[in-house]
Amino acid sequence: MADLMIVSGKTEEVIEDIENIELVFRGGIGYSSKALPEHVKGLVR
């Protein structure tokens, strides 16, 4: 569960832009969406 997600695009006009996640913040730590899969490898299915 994220505290905050930074999304690129115009989600109010193009709902598919919700998938353009740039950064995810949890517990005050920012995670790159490109690096996130490596951080959670083996933790989620």
N, C-alpha and C. Protein backbone atom coordinates (compact mmCIF):
# COMPACT_ATOMS: atom_id res chain seq x y z
N MET A 1 0.84 -1.17 0.00
CA MET A 1 0.00 0.00 0.00
C MET A 1 0.88 1.24 0.00
N ALA A 2 0.62 2.13 -0.91
CA ALA A 2 1.39 3.35 -1.03
C ALA A 2 0.76 4.48 -0.24
N ASP A 3 1.61 5.39 0.26
CA ASP A 3 1.12 6.61 0.89
C ASP A 3 0.81 7.65 -0.18
N LEU A 4 1.62 7.64 -1.25
CA LEU A 4 1.46 8.61 -2.33
C LEU A 4 2.06 8.03 -3.60
N MET A 5 1.39 8.25 -4.73
CA MET A 5 1.92 7.85 -6.04
C MET A 5 1.96 9.08 -6.92
N ILE A 6 3.07 9.25 -7.63
CA ILE A 6 3.20 10.33 -8.61
C ILE A 6 2.95 9.72 -9.98
N VAL A 7 1.94 10.24 -10.68
CA VAL A 7 1.52 9.69 -11.96
C VAL A 7 1.77 10.72 -13.06
N SER A 8 2.29 10.27 -14.19
CA SER A 8 2.52 11.12 -15.35
C SER A 8 1.33 11.05 -16.28
N GLY A 9 0.83 12.20 -16.71
CA GLY A 9 -0.28 12.21 -17.65
C GLY A 9 -1.43 13.05 -17.14
N LYS A 10 -2.55 12.92 -17.82
CA LYS A 10 -3.76 13.67 -17.47
C LYS A 10 -4.86 12.68 -17.13
N THR A 11 -4.80 12.14 -15.93
CA THR A 11 -5.75 11.09 -15.54
C THR A 11 -7.20 11.57 -15.54
N GLU A 12 -7.40 12.88 -15.38
CA GLU A 12 -8.78 13.39 -15.41
C GLU A 12 -9.37 13.37 -16.81
N GLU A 13 -8.49 13.25 -17.83
CA GLU A 13 -8.95 13.19 -19.22
C GLU A 13 -8.76 11.81 -19.84
N VAL A 14 -7.66 11.16 -19.48
CA VAL A 14 -7.32 9.84 -20.05
C VAL A 14 -7.08 8.88 -18.89
N ILE A 15 -8.09 8.10 -18.51
CA ILE A 15 -7.99 7.23 -17.33
C ILE A 15 -6.85 6.22 -17.44
N GLU A 16 -6.47 5.84 -18.66
CA GLU A 16 -5.39 4.88 -18.83
C GLU A 16 -4.05 5.43 -18.33
N ASP A 17 -3.94 6.76 -18.23
CA ASP A 17 -2.70 7.36 -17.73
C ASP A 17 -2.41 6.99 -16.28
N ILE A 18 -3.39 6.44 -15.57
CA ILE A 18 -3.18 6.01 -14.18
C ILE A 18 -2.08 4.94 -14.11
N GLU A 19 -1.80 4.28 -15.21
CA GLU A 19 -0.77 3.25 -15.26
C GLU A 19 0.63 3.84 -15.44
N ASN A 20 0.75 5.15 -15.65
CA ASN A 20 2.04 5.80 -15.86
C ASN A 20 2.62 6.27 -14.52
N ILE A 21 2.92 5.33 -13.66
CA ILE A 21 3.41 5.63 -12.32
C ILE A 21 4.89 5.98 -12.39
N GLU A 22 5.24 7.15 -11.88
CA GLU A 22 6.64 7.61 -11.88
C GLU A 22 7.33 7.26 -10.57
N LEU A 23 6.70 7.60 -9.45
CA LEU A 23 7.27 7.36 -8.12
C LEU A 23 6.18 6.85 -7.18
N VAL A 24 6.60 6.02 -6.22
CA VAL A 24 5.71 5.52 -5.18
C VAL A 24 6.37 5.86 -3.85
N PHE A 25 5.62 6.48 -2.94
CA PHE A 25 6.14 6.79 -1.61
C PHE A 25 5.42 5.94 -0.58
N ARG A 26 6.22 5.34 0.30
CA ARG A 26 5.66 4.56 1.41
C ARG A 26 6.56 4.77 2.61
N GLY A 27 5.98 5.17 3.70
CA GLY A 27 6.76 5.40 4.92
C GLY A 27 7.82 6.47 4.75
N GLY A 28 7.54 7.45 3.91
CA GLY A 28 8.48 8.54 3.70
C GLY A 28 9.63 8.22 2.76
N ILE A 29 9.63 7.05 2.16
CA ILE A 29 10.68 6.64 1.23
C ILE A 29 10.11 6.58 -0.17
N GLY A 30 10.81 7.20 -1.12
CA GLY A 30 10.38 7.19 -2.51
C GLY A 30 11.01 6.03 -3.27
N TYR A 31 10.22 5.37 -4.08
CA TYR A 31 10.69 4.25 -4.89
C TYR A 31 10.40 4.54 -6.35
N SER A 32 11.37 4.32 -7.20
CA SER A 32 11.20 4.47 -8.63
C SER A 32 10.31 3.34 -9.14
N SER A 33 9.35 3.67 -9.99
CA SER A 33 8.47 2.61 -10.51
C SER A 33 9.24 1.62 -11.37
N LYS A 34 10.35 2.06 -11.96
CA LYS A 34 11.16 1.15 -12.77
C LYS A 34 11.95 0.17 -11.90
N ALA A 35 12.36 0.62 -10.71
CA ALA A 35 13.14 -0.23 -9.81
C ALA A 35 12.27 -1.02 -8.84
N LEU A 36 11.02 -0.63 -8.69
CA LEU A 36 10.14 -1.25 -7.70
C LEU A 36 9.99 -2.77 -7.85
N PRO A 37 9.85 -3.31 -9.07
CA PRO A 37 9.72 -4.78 -9.17
C PRO A 37 10.89 -5.53 -8.53
N GLU A 38 12.10 -4.99 -8.60
CA GLU A 38 13.24 -5.64 -7.97
C GLU A 38 13.14 -5.58 -6.44
N HIS A 39 12.58 -4.49 -5.90
CA HIS A 39 12.45 -4.33 -4.45
C HIS A 39 11.44 -5.32 -3.86
N VAL A 40 10.43 -5.71 -4.62
CA VAL A 40 9.38 -6.58 -4.11
C VAL A 40 9.48 -8.02 -4.61
N LYS A 41 10.52 -8.30 -5.36
CA LYS A 41 10.69 -9.66 -5.90
C LYS A 41 10.68 -10.68 -4.77
N GLY A 42 9.83 -11.67 -4.89
CA GLY A 42 9.72 -12.72 -3.88
C GLY A 42 8.78 -12.37 -2.74
N LEU A 43 8.35 -11.09 -2.65
CA LEU A 43 7.47 -10.68 -1.56
C LEU A 43 5.99 -10.71 -1.97
N VAL A 44 5.73 -10.55 -3.26
CA VAL A 44 4.37 -10.56 -3.74
C VAL A 44 4.24 -11.57 -4.88
N ARG A 45 3.02 -12.00 -5.10
CA ARG A 45 2.79 -12.98 -6.17
C ARG A 45 1.94 -12.38 -7.25
